């Protein structure tokens, strides 16, 4: 049982690397410091990124551990 928790934690930690890279890419493309409209588009993109990535992460963990 303890190994499942460790594997899930490792999956979550490993998934932070691509999210960080995508966030940096969004900052580079949208440049949120230039205007309020760009800031709101960056915030919307960030919230969408968090929602989609959380959904995919939960589905991945549920697929790996169907009884968890």
Protein backbone atom coordinates (compact mmCIF):
# COMPACT_ATOMS: atom_id res chain seq x y z
CA UNK A 1 0.00 0.00 0.00
CA UNK A 2 2.83 2.40 0.80
CA UNK A 3 4.46 1.88 -2.60
CA UNK A 4 1.28 3.13 -4.32
CA UNK A 5 1.53 6.41 -2.46
CA UNK A 6 5.19 6.75 -3.38
CA UNK A 7 4.49 6.01 -7.06
CA UNK A 8 1.62 8.50 -7.14
CA UNK A 9 3.83 11.13 -5.54
CA UNK A 10 6.58 10.45 -8.10
CA UNK A 11 4.06 10.74 -10.95
CA UNK A 12 2.88 14.10 -9.60
CA UNK A 13 6.44 15.36 -9.17
CA UNK A 14 7.43 14.18 -12.66
CA UNK A 15 4.41 15.92 -14.15
CA UNK A 16 5.52 19.26 -12.73
CA UNK A 17 8.41 19.54 -15.18
CA UNK A 18 6.27 19.75 -18.37
CA UNK A 19 3.78 22.07 -16.65
CA UNK A 20 6.61 24.41 -15.69
CA UNK A 21 7.90 24.39 -19.27
CA UNK A 22 4.42 25.04 -20.69
CA UNK A 23 3.92 27.90 -18.22
CA UNK A 24 7.23 29.48 -19.23
CA UNK A 25 6.22 29.12 -22.89
CA UNK A 26 2.87 30.82 -22.16
CA UNK A 27 4.68 33.68 -20.44
CA UNK A 28 7.02 34.06 -23.40
CA UNK A 29 4.24 34.00 -26.00
CA UNK A 30 1.54 36.01 -24.19
CA UNK A 31 3.84 38.52 -22.38
CA UNK A 32 1.35 39.27 -19.56
CA UNK A 33 3.27 42.30 -18.24
CA UNK A 34 2.58 44.39 -21.33
CA UNK A 35 -1.14 45.01 -20.92
CA UNK A 36 -4.17 44.11 -18.87
CA UNK A 37 -5.75 42.16 -21.74
CA UNK A 38 -2.60 40.05 -22.11
CA UNK A 39 -2.60 39.46 -18.36
CA UNK A 40 -6.19 38.21 -18.44
CA UNK A 41 -5.45 35.96 -21.40
CA UNK A 42 -2.44 34.56 -19.53
CA UNK A 43 -4.55 33.95 -16.42
CA UNK A 44 -7.24 32.24 -18.49
CA UNK A 45 -4.62 30.11 -20.23
CA UNK A 46 -3.06 29.24 -16.87
CA UNK A 47 -6.39 28.18 -15.39
CA UNK A 48 -7.14 26.11 -18.47
CA UNK A 49 -3.69 24.51 -18.22
CA UNK A 50 -4.25 23.63 -14.55
CA UNK A 51 -7.69 22.17 -15.29
CA UNK A 52 -6.56 20.05 -18.25
CA UNK A 53 -3.36 18.87 -16.58
CA UNK A 54 -5.19 17.93 -13.37
CA UNK A 55 -7.78 16.02 -15.38
CA UNK A 56 -5.09 14.14 -17.30
CA UNK A 57 -3.11 13.42 -14.15
CA UNK A 58 -6.15 12.02 -12.34
CA UNK A 59 -7.06 9.88 -15.35
CA UNK A 60 -3.47 8.58 -15.57
CA UNK A 61 -3.39 7.65 -11.89
CA UNK A 62 -6.83 6.06 -12.14
CA UNK A 63 -5.65 4.08 -15.19
CA UNK A 64 -2.50 2.87 -13.43
CA UNK A 65 -4.27 2.07 -10.14
CA UNK A 66 -7.89 1.17 -10.95
CA UNK A 67 -8.66 0.10 -7.37
CA UNK A 68 -7.15 3.13 -5.67
